[in-house]
Amino acid sequence: MNKLPSTKTMYRALLNRDTRFEGIFYVGVKTTGIFCRSVCSAKTPKAENVEYFASSQEAMYAGYRPCLRCRPLDKQKRRPEIVERLCDAVEHAPTGKLSDTQLRGFGIDPSTARRQFQRHFGMTFHAYHRARRMGLALHEVRDGGAVIDAQVNNGFESASGFWEAFKRVFGAPPSRADQIDCLQARWIETPLGAMLALANQDGLHLLEFVDRRGLESEITALRARIKYPIVPGNNAYLERISQELQDYFEGGALSFTVPLIVGGSAFERDVWAKLQTIPPGKTWSYAQLAQSIGNPRAVRAVGRANGRNCLAVVIPCHRVIRADGNLCGYGGGIWRKKWLLEHEQKIAGPTKSSGEQMALNLNESD
């Protein structure tokens, strides 16, 4: 896990433009809505107007856009012309989606765009666009439902762009936060990065890391299933899961009591229920999980059900590994899966059955 230095150390490095910290942290400037490299030549902001991120992607999901002076996403000093055009297109319409057909209409071959964007930024064009769109929407959740004026004052392109981003992702504008029949959304900071929690008076519906690939699709599917809009806010179950996550990451408790509301098929619900019986500090293979639900041939289906779990950590799909002990198939990232397993073993102690091995290898094969 990429742990940040102390705030005092990072601000001193920012003041001195200390090159030793290049790539160690990124700086988000609250008054402009822009994030920079630690060595950016722009005027150093006041300490109270700065926040720090371990990666450029975290900064984007927090709602910041990359600085045009120090270009914190660029791995090379000069951007290819096609990458420059695509970035400009996103900033002109950050809330929309650019399909392959539209890219061709701009005279850009989609496969060329993917290759050049991946080579230059280390992410695909669509991943970049999704991060900007989600970042705009999550910014309001992260700030606890602040008024739209704060968004405009923070330097974002337009009020309408932000509203459209929020409605596209969550199905309702932030102003409907006082609506009775809705899911409320809360941004929760954890040692592994920020998480998004969605809950109503019935219980917790979603808990995911905000940079998870596919988060927007999960939210869309949830909205279609429950028919409620999602707005920034807080309620008793969001308070509870925030406290229980804090206890979990601090090693005080590895179990959760918040009521969980799950959708899915009967088969998926069986898998998710069985996942909750795997004790902290122990792992099962996909074959063991399939056997436990009485369907030993359903190993691949069990893997797919694991991938569709949208209640990370509390429904511990991270405790399922390959039979050879290798780690694979975690939507929040293999590095997080490894950290969670090691954390649970440290607190609970390994409770592996006789002869069971857990290599905890960083193997991303499925």
Protein backbone atom coordinates (compact mmCIF):
# COMPACT_ATOMS: atom_id res chain seq x y z
CA MET A 1 0.00 0.00 0.00
CA ASN A 2 1.24 3.45 -0.87
CA LYS A 3 1.29 5.32 2.46
CA LEU A 4 1.73 9.07 2.36
CA PRO A 5 4.28 11.00 4.41
CA SER A 6 2.98 13.33 7.11
CA THR A 7 1.08 16.44 6.02
CA LYS A 8 3.83 18.61 7.49
CA THR A 9 6.49 16.78 5.47
CA MET A 10 4.50 17.00 2.25
CA TYR A 11 3.76 20.70 2.59
CA ARG A 12 7.43 21.41 3.26
CA ALA A 13 8.34 19.39 0.16
CA LEU A 14 5.75 21.37 -1.81
CA LEU A 15 7.17 24.70 -0.62
CA ASN A 16 10.71 23.63 -1.53
CA ARG A 17 9.70 21.80 -4.74
CA ASP A 18 11.71 18.90 -3.41
CA THR A 19 12.34 16.53 -6.33
CA ARG A 20 12.80 13.58 -3.96
CA PHE A 21 9.01 13.54 -3.52
CA GLU A 22 8.19 13.52 -7.24
CA GLY A 23 5.58 10.79 -7.74
CA ILE A 24 5.24 10.13 -4.00
CA PHE A 25 2.20 12.39 -3.64
CA TYR A 26 -0.06 14.68 -5.66
CA VAL A 27 -1.56 17.96 -4.50
CA GLY A 28 -5.19 18.97 -4.85
CA VAL A 29 -5.86 22.72 -4.59
CA LYS A 30 -9.32 23.32 -3.18
CA THR A 31 -9.60 26.89 -4.44
CA THR A 32 -9.05 25.95 -8.09
CA GLY A 33 -10.26 22.35 -8.37
CA ILE A 34 -6.90 21.41 -9.95
CA PHE A 35 -4.35 18.79 -8.90
CA CYS A 36 -0.60 19.01 -9.50
CA ARG A 37 2.69 17.23 -9.14
CA SER A 38 4.51 17.95 -5.90
CA VAL A 39 7.11 19.95 -7.89
CA CYS A 40 4.69 22.10 -9.90
CA SER A 41 6.10 25.56 -10.65
CA ALA A 42 2.77 27.29 -9.96
CA LYS A 43 2.42 29.56 -6.93
CA THR A 44 2.31 27.46 -3.76
CA PRO A 45 -1.20 27.52 -2.23
CA LYS A 46 -1.87 28.05 1.47
CA ALA A 47 -1.67 24.91 3.59
CA GLU A 48 -5.37 25.02 4.46
CA ASN A 49 -6.27 24.96 0.75
CA VAL A 50 -4.29 21.82 -0.01
CA GLU A 51 -5.03 18.11 0.23
CA TYR A 52 -2.83 15.22 -0.75
CA PHE A 53 -3.28 12.03 -2.76
CA ALA A 54 -1.17 8.94 -3.24
CA SER A 55 -2.02 8.70 -6.93
CA SER A 56 -3.29 10.85 -9.76
CA GLN A 57 -6.33 8.59 -10.09
CA GLU A 58 -7.34 9.26 -6.47
CA ALA A 59 -7.18 12.98 -7.19
CA MET A 60 -9.42 12.61 -10.24
CA TYR A 61 -12.02 10.62 -8.32
CA ALA A 62 -11.98 13.36 -5.68
CA GLY A 63 -13.17 15.75 -8.39
CA TYR A 64 -9.92 17.47 -9.37
CA ARG A 65 -8.79 18.00 -12.95
CA PRO A 66 -5.12 17.76 -13.99
CA CYS A 67 -2.97 20.88 -14.06
CA LEU A 68 -2.09 22.14 -17.54
CA ARG A 69 1.26 23.44 -16.35
CA CYS A 70 2.87 20.42 -14.65
CA ARG A 71 0.64 17.79 -16.37
CA PRO A 72 0.52 15.27 -13.49
CA LEU A 73 -0.83 12.45 -15.67
CA ASP A 74 1.89 12.62 -18.30
CA LYS A 75 4.63 10.02 -18.24
CA GLN A 76 6.37 11.79 -21.11
CA LYS A 77 7.06 15.50 -21.40
CA ARG A 78 5.28 15.95 -24.69
CA ARG A 79 1.80 14.65 -25.37
CA PRO A 80 1.02 13.09 -28.73
CA GLU A 81 -1.36 15.24 -30.77
CA ILE A 82 -4.15 12.66 -30.59
CA VAL A 83 -3.91 12.52 -26.77
CA GLU A 84 -4.09 16.31 -26.59
CA ARG A 85 -7.22 16.36 -28.77
CA LEU A 86 -8.93 13.70 -26.66
CA CYS A 87 -8.16 15.52 -23.38
CA ASP A 88 -9.57 18.73 -24.82
CA ALA A 89 -12.72 16.88 -25.91
CA VAL A 90 -13.24 15.55 -22.37
CA GLU A 91 -12.79 18.95 -20.74
CA HIS A 92 -15.29 20.51 -23.14
CA ALA A 93 -17.88 17.85 -22.25
CA PRO A 94 -16.74 16.08 -19.05
CA THR A 95 -20.20 14.71 -18.26
CA GLY A 96 -20.86 12.91 -21.52
CA LYS A 97 -19.53 9.80 -23.20
CA LEU A 98 -17.55 9.63 -26.40
CA SER A 99 -18.34 6.46 -28.32
CA ASP A 100 -16.11 4.82 -30.90
CA THR A 101 -18.46 6.17 -33.58
CA GLN A 102 -17.97 9.72 -32.29
CA LEU A 103 -14.21 9.27 -32.18
CA ARG A 104 -14.25 8.20 -35.82
CA GLY A 105 -16.33 11.30 -36.55
CA PHE A 106 -13.43 13.35 -35.14
CA GLY A 107 -11.09 11.54 -37.51
CA ILE A 108 -9.63 9.46 -34.67
CA ASP A 109 -9.26 5.70 -34.95
CA PRO A 110 -10.53 4.19 -31.62
CA SER A 111 -7.83 1.51 -31.46
CA THR A 112 -5.12 4.12 -32.01
CA ALA A 113 -6.68 6.30 -29.31
CA ARG A 114 -6.65 3.40 -26.85
CA ARG A 115 -3.02 2.52 -27.54
CA GLN A 116 -1.69 6.07 -27.36
CA PHE A 117 -3.69 6.97 -24.27
CA GLN A 118 -2.61 3.76 -22.53
CA ARG A 119 1.03 4.33 -23.46
CA HIS A 120 1.05 7.96 -22.37
CA PHE A 121 -1.16 7.91 -19.25
CA GLY A 122 -1.13 4.26 -18.23
CA MET A 123 -4.92 4.10 -18.57
CA THR A 124 -7.36 3.85 -21.44
CA PHE A 125 -9.18 6.87 -22.83
CA HIS A 126 -12.52 5.56 -21.58
CA ALA A 127 -11.07 5.00 -18.08
CA TYR A 128 -9.83 8.60 -18.07
CA HIS A 129 -13.21 9.95 -19.19
CA ARG A 130 -15.04 7.80 -16.64
CA ALA A 131 -12.75 9.07 -13.86
CA ARG A 132 -13.48 12.69 -14.78
CA ARG A 133 -17.24 12.08 -14.91
CA MET A 134 -17.31 10.10 -11.66
CA GLY A 135 -15.00 12.60 -10.01
CA LEU A 136 -17.35 15.47 -10.77
CA ALA A 137 -20.30 13.57 -9.31
CA LEU A 138 -18.47 12.16 -6.29
CA HIS A 139 -17.18 15.60 -5.35
CA GLU A 140 -20.60 16.53 -3.98
CA VAL A 141 -20.86 13.30 -2.01
CA ARG A 142 -17.37 13.77 -0.69
CA ASP A 143 -18.17 17.25 0.59
CA GLY A 144 -21.28 16.05 2.39
CA GLY A 145 -23.79 17.63 0.07
CA ALA A 146 -22.40 21.16 -0.18
CA VAL A 147 -24.36 23.58 -2.36
CA ILE A 148 -23.63 23.79 -6.06
CA ASP A 149 -22.11 27.25 -5.61
CA ALA A 150 -19.15 25.62 -3.91
CA GLN A 151 -18.59 23.50 -6.99
CA VAL A 152 -18.58 26.52 -9.28
CA ASN A 153 -16.36 28.52 -6.94
CA ASN A 154 -13.85 25.66 -6.93
CA GLY A 155 -13.10 26.28 -10.56
CA PHE A 156 -15.08 23.63 -12.40
CA GLU A 157 -16.12 24.42 -15.93
CA SER A 158 -19.81 25.02 -15.36
CA ALA A 159 -22.63 24.47 -12.91
CA SER A 160 -24.63 22.69 -15.60
CA GLY A 161 -21.75 20.31 -16.29
CA PHE A 162 -21.58 19.30 -12.67
CA TRP A 163 -25.35 18.86 -12.36
CA GLU A 164 -25.39 16.72 -15.47
CA ALA A 165 -22.53 14.58 -14.18
CA PHE A 166 -24.29 14.05 -10.89
CA LYS A 167 -27.65 13.21 -12.47
CA ARG A 168 -26.01 10.89 -15.01
CA VAL A 169 -24.38 8.84 -12.27
CA PHE A 170 -26.89 9.05 -9.42
CA GLY A 171 -30.22 9.76 -11.12
CA ALA A 172 -31.05 12.96 -9.21
CA PRO A 173 -29.53 16.40 -8.65
CA PRO A 174 -27.89 17.18 -5.28
CA SER A 175 -30.77 19.52 -4.36
CA ARG A 176 -33.01 16.49 -3.74
CA ALA A 177 -31.02 15.44 -0.68
CA ASP A 178 -34.05 16.06 1.55
CA GLN A 179 -36.27 13.70 -0.46
CA ILE A 180 -37.89 10.98 1.67
CA ASP A 181 -37.71 8.01 -0.69
CA CYS A 182 -34.07 7.97 -1.71
CA LEU A 183 -30.74 6.33 -1.10
CA GLN A 184 -28.23 8.54 0.65
CA ALA A 185 -24.59 8.54 -0.35
CA ARG A 186 -21.54 9.08 1.82
CA TRP A 187 -17.81 9.26 1.05
CA ILE A 188 -15.77 7.29 3.61
CA GLU A 189 -12.00 7.62 3.88
CA THR A 190 -10.06 4.40 4.61
CA PRO A 191 -6.37 3.45 4.64
CA LEU A 192 -6.93 1.76 1.26
CA GLY A 193 -8.54 4.77 -0.37
CA ALA A 194 -11.97 6.36 -0.34
CA MET A 195 -15.14 4.25 -0.42
CA LEU A 196 -18.67 5.15 -1.50
CA ALA A 197 -21.51 3.92 0.74
CA LEU A 198 -25.20 3.98 -0.25
CA ALA A 199 -27.91 3.30 2.34
CA ASN A 200 -31.51 4.07 3.23
CA GLN A 201 -33.75 3.31 6.20
CA ASP A 202 -33.62 -0.42 5.34
CA GLY A 203 -29.85 -0.87 5.38
CA LEU A 204 -26.64 -0.69 3.34
CA HIS A 205 -27.06 -1.25 -0.42
CA LEU A 206 -23.57 -0.56 -1.75
CA LEU A 207 -20.04 -0.16 -0.44
CA GLU A 208 -17.25 0.14 -3.00
CA PHE A 209 -13.88 1.79 -3.48
CA VAL A 210 -14.51 4.90 -5.54
CA ASP A 211 -11.85 4.03 -8.10
CA ARG A 212 -13.28 0.56 -8.75
CA ARG A 213 -13.71 -0.15 -12.42
CA GLY A 214 -17.41 -0.67 -13.05
CA LEU A 215 -18.67 1.42 -10.13
CA GLU A 216 -20.86 3.57 -12.38
CA SER A 217 -22.44 0.43 -13.86
CA GLU A 218 -23.13 -0.90 -10.36
CA ILE A 219 -24.86 2.35 -9.41
CA THR A 220 -26.92 2.30 -12.60
CA ALA A 221 -28.03 -1.29 -11.95
CA LEU A 222 -28.91 -0.47 -8.35
CA ARG A 223 -30.98 2.53 -9.38
CA ALA A 224 -32.84 0.41 -11.94
CA ARG A 225 -33.61 -2.24 -9.31
CA ILE A 226 -34.80 -0.08 -6.42
CA LYS A 227 -36.23 2.88 -8.43
CA TYR A 228 -34.94 5.42 -5.89
CA PRO A 229 -32.73 8.41 -6.69
CA ILE A 230 -29.39 8.70 -4.92
CA VAL A 231 -28.43 11.92 -3.18
CA PRO A 232 -25.64 13.09 -0.85
CA GLY A 233 -26.52 12.78 2.79
CA ASN A 234 -26.27 10.75 5.95
CA ASN A 235 -28.37 8.37 8.02
CA ALA A 236 -28.00 5.93 10.90
CA TYR A 237 -26.71 3.08 8.75
CA LEU A 238 -24.14 5.26 7.01
CA GLU A 239 -22.95 6.38 10.43
CA ARG A 240 -22.75 2.77 11.56
CA ILE A 241 -20.80 1.49 8.57
CA SER A 242 -18.38 4.44 8.85
CA GLN A 243 -17.66 3.53 12.48
CA GLU A 244 -17.45 -0.19 11.77
CA LEU A 245 -15.02 0.37 8.90
CA GLN A 246 -12.88 2.51 11.18
CA ASP A 247 -12.89 -0.27 13.79
CA TYR A 248 -12.06 -2.84 11.11
CA PHE A 249 -9.08 -0.96 9.69
CA GLU A 250 -7.77 -0.10 13.14
CA GLY A 251 -7.92 -3.78 14.11
CA GLY A 252 -10.57 -3.35 16.79
CA ALA A 253 -13.15 -5.63 15.16
CA LEU A 254 -13.28 -7.64 11.96
CA SER A 255 -17.05 -8.18 11.82
CA PHE A 256 -19.95 -5.96 10.75
CA THR A 257 -23.47 -5.58 12.11
CA VAL A 258 -24.98 -3.11 9.63
CA PRO A 259 -28.01 -4.63 7.82
CA LEU A 260 -27.20 -5.49 4.20
CA ILE A 261 -29.67 -5.17 1.32
CA VAL A 262 -28.68 -7.35 -1.62
CA GLY A 263 -30.18 -7.94 -5.04
CA GLY A 264 -28.93 -10.52 -7.48
CA SER A 265 -30.21 -13.94 -8.43
CA ALA A 266 -31.00 -16.69 -5.92
CA PHE A 267 -27.68 -18.32 -6.82
CA GLU A 268 -25.74 -15.09 -6.24
CA ARG A 269 -27.48 -14.51 -2.91
CA ASP A 270 -26.50 -18.03 -1.83
CA VAL A 271 -22.87 -17.31 -2.73
CA TRP A 272 -22.85 -13.97 -0.92
CA ALA A 273 -24.45 -15.50 2.18
CA LYS A 274 -21.82 -18.25 2.24
CA LEU A 275 -19.02 -15.70 1.84
CA GLN A 276 -20.11 -14.17 5.13
CA THR A 277 -19.43 -17.46 6.91
CA ILE A 278 -15.71 -17.48 6.00
CA PRO A 279 -13.95 -16.38 9.21
CA PRO A 280 -11.44 -13.52 9.17
CA GLY A 281 -7.92 -14.88 8.75
CA LYS A 282 -9.09 -17.83 6.68
CA THR A 283 -9.44 -18.26 2.92
CA TRP A 284 -11.40 -20.62 0.71
CA SER A 285 -10.80 -21.61 -2.86
CA TYR A 286 -13.47 -21.06 -5.51
CA ALA A 287 -13.94 -24.83 -5.60
CA GLN A 288 -14.52 -24.92 -1.83
CA LEU A 289 -17.08 -22.15 -2.15
CA ALA A 290 -18.91 -23.98 -4.93
CA GLN A 291 -18.88 -27.18 -2.83
CA SER A 292 -20.25 -25.32 0.19
CA ILE A 293 -23.39 -24.25 -1.68
CA GLY A 294 -23.97 -27.79 -2.90
CA ASN A 295 -22.95 -27.15 -6.51
CA PRO A 296 -19.32 -28.33 -6.90
CA ARG A 297 -19.33 -27.87 -10.68
CA ALA A 298 -20.27 -24.19 -10.47
CA VAL A 299 -16.72 -22.90 -9.91
CA ARG A 300 -16.87 -20.36 -12.74
CA ALA A 301 -20.36 -19.22 -11.77
CA VAL A 302 -19.17 -18.74 -8.20
CA GLY A 303 -16.33 -16.59 -9.53
CA ARG A 304 -18.78 -14.44 -11.48
CA ALA A 305 -21.00 -14.05 -8.40
CA ASN A 306 -17.95 -12.95 -6.44
CA GLY A 307 -17.27 -10.29 -9.06
CA ARG A 308 -20.84 -8.99 -8.81
CA ASN A 309 -20.66 -8.42 -5.07
CA CYS A 310 -21.16 -4.68 -4.53
CA LEU A 311 -20.64 -4.68 -0.76
CA ALA A 312 -16.86 -4.78 -0.55
CA VAL A 313 -15.19 -5.84 2.71
CA VAL A 314 -18.48 -6.46 4.55
CA ILE A 315 -19.30 -9.35 2.20
CA PRO A 316 -15.73 -10.68 2.14
CA CYS A 317 -15.21 -11.85 -1.43
CA HIS A 318 -11.54 -10.99 -0.86
CA ARG A 319 -11.28 -14.21 1.22
CA VAL A 320 -11.67 -16.37 -1.89
CA ILE A 321 -8.46 -17.29 -3.70
CA ARG A 322 -7.24 -19.81 -6.23
CA ALA A 323 -6.66 -23.39 -5.14
CA ASP A 324 -2.89 -22.90 -5.59
CA GLY A 325 -2.89 -19.98 -3.14
CA ASN A 326 -2.56 -17.24 -5.75
CA LEU A 327 -4.68 -14.11 -5.58
CA CYS A 328 -6.93 -13.18 -8.47
CA GLY A 329 -10.13 -11.48 -9.50
CA TYR A 330 -10.70 -8.58 -7.08
CA GLY A 331 -12.51 -5.51 -8.44
CA GLY A 332 -10.84 -3.16 -5.96
CA GLY A 333 -7.39 -4.26 -7.10
CA ILE A 334 -5.21 -7.23 -6.19
CA TRP A 335 -3.05 -5.05 -3.96
CA ARG A 336 -6.09 -4.27 -1.82
CA LYS A 337 -7.04 -7.95 -1.62
CA LYS A 338 -3.54 -8.79 -0.41
CA TRP A 339 -3.63 -6.00 2.19
CA LEU A 340 -7.06 -7.07 3.52
CA LEU A 341 -6.01 -10.71 3.90
CA GLU A 342 -2.74 -9.84 5.60
CA HIS A 343 -4.53 -7.39 7.90
CA GLU A 344 -7.10 -10.00 8.92
CA GLN A 345 -4.45 -12.64 9.52
CA LYS A 346 -2.49 -10.21 11.66
CA ILE A 347 -5.53 -9.38 13.82
CA ALA A 348 -7.39 -12.70 13.89
CA GLY A 349 -4.45 -15.02 13.35
CA PRO A 350 -4.36 -17.59 10.55
CA THR A 351 -7.04 -20.23 11.02
CA LYS A 352 -6.17 -22.36 8.01
CA SER A 353 -7.22 -25.96 8.00
CA SER A 354 -4.56 -28.67 8.05
CA GLY A 355 -2.48 -28.65 4.88
CA GLU A 356 -4.12 -25.49 3.55
CA GLN A 357 -1.66 -22.97 2.11
CA MET A 358 -2.11 -19.33 1.26
CA ALA A 359 0.72 -17.82 -0.76
CA LEU A 360 -0.82 -14.36 -1.11
CA ASN A 361 0.94 -13.93 -4.42
CA LEU A 362 0.19 -10.87 -6.51
CA ASN A 363 -1.18 -12.94 -9.37
CA GLU A 364 -3.89 -11.20 -11.36
CA SER A 365 -4.87 -14.17 -13.50
CA ASP A 366 -8.50 -15.27 -13.39
